[in-house]
Amino acid sequence: MNARNLRPSLMRTLSTLPGIDALWPLCLDIVRHRRGLRPRPLPDATRHFAWHPTRGFVLHEDAWDEEAIELFALLKPVLDRPPEGAAWVIGQLGQSLDGCIATRGGDSNFVNGPEALVHLHRLRALCDAVIVGAGTATIDNPQLTTRRVAGEHPVRVLIDPSLRVVPTLRALSDRQAPTLLVCDATRAAEAAQRVGAEQVLGLPGLMSNAGGPPNLRVLLPALQQRGLRVLFVEGGGITVSRFIAQGCMDRLHLSVAPVLIGSGRPGLALPGSAAMRDCPRPPARVFRMGADVLWDLDLQPAR
């Protein structure tokens, strides 16, 4: 995060006010409280936050430096999630200026800068589960853990209707965090033979349309029943696009890096509109993240 448009009073006191290093443990405590792991917030929390029944968590801005204020504003929609209710989904994509998430050969290390990678790990720590598609799992072989920040690892969810992934993937074999391989119920027994029944979530109706994309609407309540209500769709572009197209995503963080990839692998691929007036324009906020620009898009009106 970069401090922007600092008021003179803030500039004078910036070095004496607590910053991101002090804010992050309090954010984690809010999440632990939401998950029922702490009966109450940390004692210091009430000095820094207030809870409003309609506005959610409100930061006492006079007590923080500018970078902490900006980070809290970006994370607030995740922190405000209640401990009950329907599943809530946030997605993330990192892309180039020309809309690519990787080169034509699949190299994506790294499109975005280190600040965006830290943000990615923060989202993992704040969400109950992190979701990727089979393509991303196969190509990137990600760990999907919170290595760059403090915080618990999320449950890892791999959407793999065709059982493409191999059991030796790190997410299925390293045992660092629980992992669920999601497939149609008709293939659950086959998946259990490959990766163990405890790592398989077979869903009736996931592949209700022969040859079509998975029906993600059956996934969300299934994860909710397991106590996984705040969900982070990390990639890839096809999976994020499917969540948006099926009305299953509430928010999207789109990080744009100052790089031109050319004829690479595209990010979002959504059904088009014939006229500009029909194209969705979700409410948006912009945050600087090192050299990258992060667009925070509220998709709930469309959903």
Protein backbone atom coordinates (compact mmCIF):
# COMPACT_ATOMS: atom_id res chain seq x y z
CA MET A 1 0.00 0.00 0.00
CA ASN A 2 1.13 3.54 -0.72
CA ALA A 3 0.03 6.51 1.33
CA ARG A 4 -1.76 8.99 -0.92
CA ASN A 5 -2.84 12.62 -0.53
CA LEU A 6 -1.70 12.79 3.07
CA ARG A 7 -3.04 15.66 5.11
CA PRO A 8 -0.29 17.77 6.72
CA SER A 9 -1.37 16.72 10.22
CA LEU A 10 -1.11 13.09 9.23
CA MET A 11 2.28 13.63 7.64
CA ARG A 12 3.56 15.09 10.90
CA THR A 13 2.30 12.18 12.98
CA LEU A 14 2.69 9.34 10.50
CA SER A 15 5.79 7.94 12.15
CA THR A 16 4.11 7.82 15.59
CA LEU A 17 0.80 6.20 14.58
CA PRO A 18 0.38 2.41 14.37
CA GLY A 19 0.33 1.00 10.87
CA ILE A 20 -0.36 -2.19 8.95
CA ASP A 21 1.79 -4.36 11.24
CA ALA A 22 -0.45 -3.41 14.17
CA LEU A 23 -3.70 -3.55 12.18
CA TRP A 24 -3.27 -7.03 10.71
CA PRO A 25 -3.46 -8.99 14.02
CA LEU A 26 -6.72 -7.18 14.81
CA CYS A 27 -8.11 -8.15 11.39
CA LEU A 28 -7.23 -11.78 12.11
CA ASP A 29 -8.93 -11.52 15.48
CA ILE A 30 -12.15 -10.32 13.82
CA VAL A 31 -12.03 -13.40 11.60
CA ARG A 32 -11.38 -15.76 14.53
CA HIS A 33 -14.33 -14.22 16.35
CA ARG A 34 -16.52 -14.74 13.25
CA ARG A 35 -15.48 -18.39 13.11
CA GLY A 36 -16.29 -18.89 16.79
CA LEU A 37 -12.65 -19.44 17.74
CA ARG A 38 -12.58 -16.47 20.12
CA PRO A 39 -15.45 -15.52 22.46
CA ARG A 40 -14.64 -11.82 22.14
CA PRO A 41 -12.31 -9.50 20.20
CA LEU A 42 -8.89 -8.61 21.54
CA PRO A 43 -9.01 -6.12 24.43
CA ASP A 44 -7.30 -3.47 22.28
CA ALA A 45 -9.84 -3.85 19.48
CA THR A 46 -12.47 -1.55 20.99
CA ARG A 47 -9.92 1.26 21.08
CA HIS A 48 -9.39 0.94 17.33
CA PHE A 49 -12.76 -0.23 15.97
CA ALA A 50 -16.42 0.36 16.49
CA TRP A 51 -19.22 -1.93 15.36
CA HIS A 52 -22.23 -0.33 13.69
CA PRO A 53 -25.33 -2.46 13.00
CA THR A 54 -25.66 -1.18 9.42
CA ARG A 55 -22.15 0.05 8.59
CA GLY A 56 -20.23 -2.89 10.01
CA PHE A 57 -16.76 -2.33 11.46
CA VAL A 58 -15.74 1.32 11.58
CA LEU A 59 -12.10 2.22 12.08
CA HIS A 60 -11.13 5.03 14.44
CA GLU A 61 -9.02 6.73 11.78
CA ASP A 62 -7.33 9.19 14.12
CA ALA A 63 -5.56 6.23 15.71
CA TRP A 64 -3.91 4.89 12.52
CA ASP A 65 -1.53 5.95 9.81
CA GLU A 66 -2.69 6.41 6.22
CA GLU A 67 -1.54 3.01 4.94
CA ALA A 68 -3.47 1.18 7.67
CA ILE A 69 -6.59 3.22 6.94
CA GLU A 70 -6.38 2.36 3.26
CA LEU A 71 -5.81 -1.34 3.89
CA PHE A 72 -8.75 -1.49 6.29
CA ALA A 73 -10.99 0.16 3.68
CA LEU A 74 -9.98 -2.49 1.15
CA LEU A 75 -10.51 -5.43 3.54
CA LYS A 76 -13.63 -4.12 5.27
CA PRO A 77 -16.16 -5.97 3.01
CA VAL A 78 -14.52 -9.26 4.03
CA LEU A 79 -14.22 -8.34 7.70
CA ASP A 80 -17.89 -7.31 7.87
CA ARG A 81 -19.16 -10.80 6.99
CA PRO A 82 -21.47 -12.15 9.73
CA PRO A 83 -20.95 -15.58 11.28
CA GLU A 84 -24.19 -16.86 9.77
CA GLY A 85 -26.13 -16.59 6.53
CA ALA A 86 -25.50 -17.57 2.93
CA ALA A 87 -22.07 -18.01 1.44
CA TRP A 88 -20.29 -14.82 0.33
CA VAL A 89 -17.75 -14.96 -2.48
CA ILE A 90 -14.81 -12.72 -3.36
CA GLY A 91 -12.65 -13.33 -6.42
CA GLN A 92 -9.19 -12.19 -7.44
CA LEU A 93 -7.36 -11.92 -10.73
CA GLY A 94 -3.97 -10.43 -11.50
CA GLN A 95 -3.55 -9.31 -15.08
CA SER A 96 -1.50 -7.20 -17.47
CA LEU A 97 -2.56 -3.90 -19.01
CA ASP A 98 -3.79 -5.81 -22.05
CA GLY A 99 -5.93 -8.20 -20.01
CA CYS A 100 -3.71 -11.29 -19.85
CA ILE A 101 -3.08 -13.41 -16.77
CA ALA A 102 -0.17 -15.39 -18.27
CA THR A 103 1.93 -15.71 -21.39
CA ARG A 104 0.80 -17.92 -24.25
CA GLY A 105 2.89 -20.74 -22.74
CA GLY A 106 1.24 -20.34 -19.32
CA ASP A 107 3.98 -18.46 -17.45
CA SER A 108 2.38 -16.22 -14.82
CA ASN A 109 5.27 -15.84 -12.34
CA PHE A 110 4.77 -13.08 -11.67
CA VAL A 111 2.35 -10.78 -13.48
CA ASN A 112 1.86 -8.59 -10.41
CA GLY A 113 4.35 -7.19 -7.95
CA PRO A 114 5.14 -8.31 -4.37
CA GLU A 115 2.51 -6.07 -2.79
CA ALA A 116 -0.23 -7.80 -4.77
CA LEU A 117 1.12 -11.21 -3.74
CA VAL A 118 0.97 -10.21 -0.07
CA HIS A 119 -2.62 -9.06 -0.61
CA LEU A 120 -3.43 -12.44 -2.15
CA HIS A 121 -2.18 -14.20 0.99
CA ARG A 122 -4.13 -11.80 3.20
CA LEU A 123 -7.33 -12.74 1.40
CA ARG A 124 -6.53 -16.41 1.96
CA ALA A 125 -6.11 -15.77 5.69
CA LEU A 126 -9.39 -13.83 5.98
CA CYS A 127 -11.53 -16.36 4.08
CA ASP A 128 -12.74 -19.79 5.17
CA ALA A 129 -11.87 -21.49 1.88
CA VAL A 130 -9.80 -20.74 -1.23
CA ILE A 131 -11.10 -22.08 -4.54
CA VAL A 132 -9.24 -22.80 -7.78
CA GLY A 133 -10.13 -24.66 -10.94
CA ALA A 134 -8.51 -27.84 -12.17
CA GLY A 135 -6.52 -25.99 -14.85
CA THR A 136 -4.87 -23.63 -12.38
CA ALA A 137 -4.24 -26.47 -9.94
CA THR A 138 -2.56 -28.53 -12.65
CA ILE A 139 -0.46 -25.78 -14.25
CA ASP A 140 0.61 -23.83 -11.14
CA ASN A 141 0.54 -26.64 -8.53
CA PRO A 142 -0.16 -23.99 -5.85
CA GLN A 143 0.08 -24.53 -2.11
CA LEU A 144 -2.78 -22.08 -1.39
CA THR A 145 -1.43 -21.35 2.10
CA THR A 146 -0.70 -18.13 3.98
CA ARG A 147 3.08 -18.25 3.74
CA ARG A 148 3.57 -14.49 3.28
CA VAL A 149 1.40 -13.34 6.19
CA ALA A 150 0.34 -14.44 9.66
CA GLY A 151 -2.98 -16.27 9.80
CA GLU A 152 -4.57 -19.70 9.52
CA HIS A 153 -4.53 -21.56 6.22
CA PRO A 154 -7.94 -21.74 4.51
CA VAL A 155 -9.57 -24.97 3.41
CA ARG A 156 -8.41 -25.59 -0.16
CA VAL A 157 -11.11 -26.39 -2.72
CA LEU A 158 -10.22 -27.76 -6.17
CA ILE A 159 -13.07 -27.81 -8.70
CA ASP A 160 -12.35 -30.83 -10.88
CA PRO A 161 -15.46 -32.31 -12.52
CA SER A 162 -13.39 -34.35 -15.01
CA LEU A 163 -10.86 -35.58 -12.42
CA ARG A 164 -7.96 -34.01 -14.29
CA VAL A 165 -5.70 -33.32 -11.33
CA VAL A 166 -3.14 -35.85 -10.13
CA PRO A 167 -2.94 -37.00 -6.50
CA THR A 168 0.65 -35.76 -6.21
CA LEU A 169 -0.38 -32.09 -6.36
CA ARG A 170 0.86 -30.24 -3.29
CA ALA A 171 -2.64 -29.21 -2.22
CA LEU A 172 -3.69 -32.87 -2.17
CA SER A 173 -0.55 -34.37 -0.67
CA ASP A 174 1.26 -31.90 1.62
CA ARG A 175 -1.33 -32.03 4.44
CA GLN A 176 -0.65 -28.42 5.38
CA ALA A 177 -4.38 -27.65 5.31
CA PRO A 178 -7.61 -29.54 4.60
CA THR A 179 -8.37 -29.97 0.90
CA LEU A 180 -11.60 -30.82 -0.93
CA LEU A 181 -11.64 -32.16 -4.48
CA VAL A 182 -15.04 -31.18 -5.89
CA CYS A 183 -16.58 -33.42 -8.52
CA ASP A 184 -19.99 -34.63 -9.59
CA ALA A 185 -21.52 -37.19 -7.26
CA THR A 186 -21.44 -39.78 -10.06
CA ARG A 187 -17.62 -39.74 -9.94
CA ALA A 188 -17.13 -39.43 -6.19
CA ALA A 189 -16.17 -43.10 -5.73
CA GLU A 190 -13.53 -42.83 -8.46
CA ALA A 191 -12.15 -39.64 -6.91
CA ALA A 192 -12.03 -41.27 -3.47
CA GLN A 193 -9.85 -44.06 -4.85
CA ARG A 194 -7.41 -41.47 -6.17
CA VAL A 195 -7.10 -39.00 -3.29
CA GLY A 196 -8.95 -40.54 -0.33
CA ALA A 197 -12.61 -40.18 0.58
CA GLU A 198 -11.89 -37.53 3.22
CA GLN A 199 -10.70 -35.17 0.45
CA VAL A 200 -13.66 -35.64 -1.90
CA LEU A 201 -16.82 -33.55 -2.12
CA GLY A 202 -19.19 -35.20 -4.59
CA LEU A 203 -22.10 -32.95 -5.53
CA PRO A 204 -25.31 -34.10 -7.22
CA GLY A 205 -26.07 -31.86 -10.18
CA LEU A 206 -22.62 -30.32 -10.48
CA MET A 207 -22.50 -31.42 -14.12
CA SER A 208 -26.21 -31.22 -14.90
CA ASN A 209 -25.53 -29.94 -18.42
CA ALA A 210 -23.67 -32.51 -20.49
CA GLY A 211 -20.53 -30.91 -21.90
CA GLY A 212 -21.29 -27.57 -20.21
CA PRO A 213 -19.58 -25.79 -17.31
CA PRO A 214 -20.12 -26.98 -13.75
CA ASN A 215 -23.18 -25.67 -11.95
CA LEU A 216 -21.50 -23.55 -9.28
CA ARG A 217 -24.83 -22.79 -7.58
CA VAL A 218 -24.78 -26.27 -6.04
CA LEU A 219 -21.26 -25.73 -4.68
CA LEU A 220 -21.95 -22.70 -2.49
CA PRO A 221 -24.58 -24.27 -0.18
CA ALA A 222 -22.50 -27.45 0.07
CA LEU A 223 -19.53 -25.44 1.37
CA GLN A 224 -21.80 -23.41 3.62
CA GLN A 225 -23.05 -26.62 5.25
CA ARG A 226 -19.43 -27.39 6.14
CA GLY A 227 -19.07 -24.02 7.86
CA LEU A 228 -17.24 -22.44 4.90
CA ARG A 229 -19.19 -19.23 4.32
CA VAL A 230 -16.59 -16.67 3.26
CA LEU A 231 -15.10 -18.00 0.04
CA PHE A 232 -12.14 -16.77 -1.99
CA VAL A 233 -11.99 -17.70 -5.69
CA GLU A 234 -8.33 -17.29 -6.57
CA GLY A 235 -8.32 -18.48 -10.16
CA GLY A 236 -7.84 -19.02 -12.84
CA GLY A 237 -9.51 -16.79 -15.36
CA ILE A 238 -12.01 -19.43 -16.51
CA THR A 239 -13.14 -20.27 -12.97
CA VAL A 240 -13.48 -16.62 -11.91
CA SER A 241 -15.41 -15.89 -15.11
CA ARG A 242 -17.78 -18.79 -14.48
CA PHE A 243 -18.54 -17.60 -10.95
CA ILE A 244 -19.37 -14.12 -12.29
CA ALA A 245 -21.40 -15.40 -15.26
CA GLN A 246 -23.50 -17.64 -12.99
CA GLY A 247 -24.17 -14.84 -10.49
CA CYS A 248 -22.13 -16.55 -7.77
CA MET A 249 -19.61 -13.81 -6.97
CA ASP A 250 -20.17 -10.81 -4.71
CA ARG A 251 -16.90 -8.95 -5.14
CA LEU A 252 -13.85 -8.98 -7.41
CA HIS A 253 -10.34 -7.68 -6.82
CA LEU A 254 -8.73 -7.09 -10.20
CA SER A 255 -5.03 -6.21 -9.95
CA VAL A 256 -3.61 -4.61 -13.10
CA ALA A 257 0.16 -4.59 -13.55
CA PRO A 258 2.10 -2.16 -15.82
CA VAL A 259 3.18 -4.90 -18.23
CA LEU A 260 2.17 -5.82 -21.78
CA ILE A 261 2.05 -9.56 -22.45
CA GLY A 262 0.64 -9.59 -25.97
CA SER A 263 -1.07 -12.73 -27.23
CA GLY A 264 -1.22 -14.37 -23.81
CA ARG A 265 -3.89 -16.15 -21.85
CA PRO A 266 -6.89 -13.87 -21.26
CA GLY A 267 -8.31 -13.12 -17.84
CA LEU A 268 -12.06 -12.57 -17.73
CA ALA A 269 -14.15 -14.19 -20.46
CA LEU A 270 -17.79 -13.17 -19.96
CA PRO A 271 -20.85 -13.23 -22.21
CA GLY A 272 -20.82 -10.09 -24.32
CA SER A 273 -23.42 -7.36 -24.74
CA ALA A 274 -24.54 -5.95 -28.06
CA ALA A 275 -24.62 -2.35 -26.83
CA MET A 276 -22.44 -0.42 -24.40
CA ARG A 277 -25.51 0.65 -22.44
CA ASP A 278 -26.10 -3.01 -21.57
CA CYS A 279 -22.56 -3.61 -20.28
CA PRO A 280 -22.39 -3.85 -16.48
CA ARG A 281 -20.62 -1.02 -14.66
CA PRO A 282 -20.26 -2.29 -11.09
CA PRO A 283 -19.54 0.17 -8.29
CA ALA A 284 -15.75 0.38 -8.08
CA ARG A 285 -12.94 1.68 -5.91
CA VAL A 286 -9.26 1.99 -6.86
CA PHE A 287 -6.27 1.24 -4.62
CA ARG A 288 -2.57 1.60 -5.37
CA MET A 289 -0.57 -1.52 -4.58
CA GLY A 290 3.07 -0.83 -5.31
CA ALA A 291 3.34 -0.40 -9.08
CA ASP A 292 0.00 -2.16 -9.60
CA VAL A 293 -3.53 -0.77 -9.50
CA LEU A 294 -6.21 -2.81 -7.77
CA TRP A 295 -9.83 -2.40 -8.83
CA ASP A 296 -12.27 -3.37 -6.07
CA LEU A 297 -15.53 -4.20 -7.88
CA ASP A 298 -18.82 -4.65 -6.04
CA LEU A 299 -20.77 -7.27 -8.01
CA GLN A 300 -23.66 -7.61 -5.59
CA PRO A 301 -26.04 -5.28 -7.47
CA ALA A 302 -25.65 -7.46 -10.58
CA ARG A 303 -25.91 -10.67 -8.55
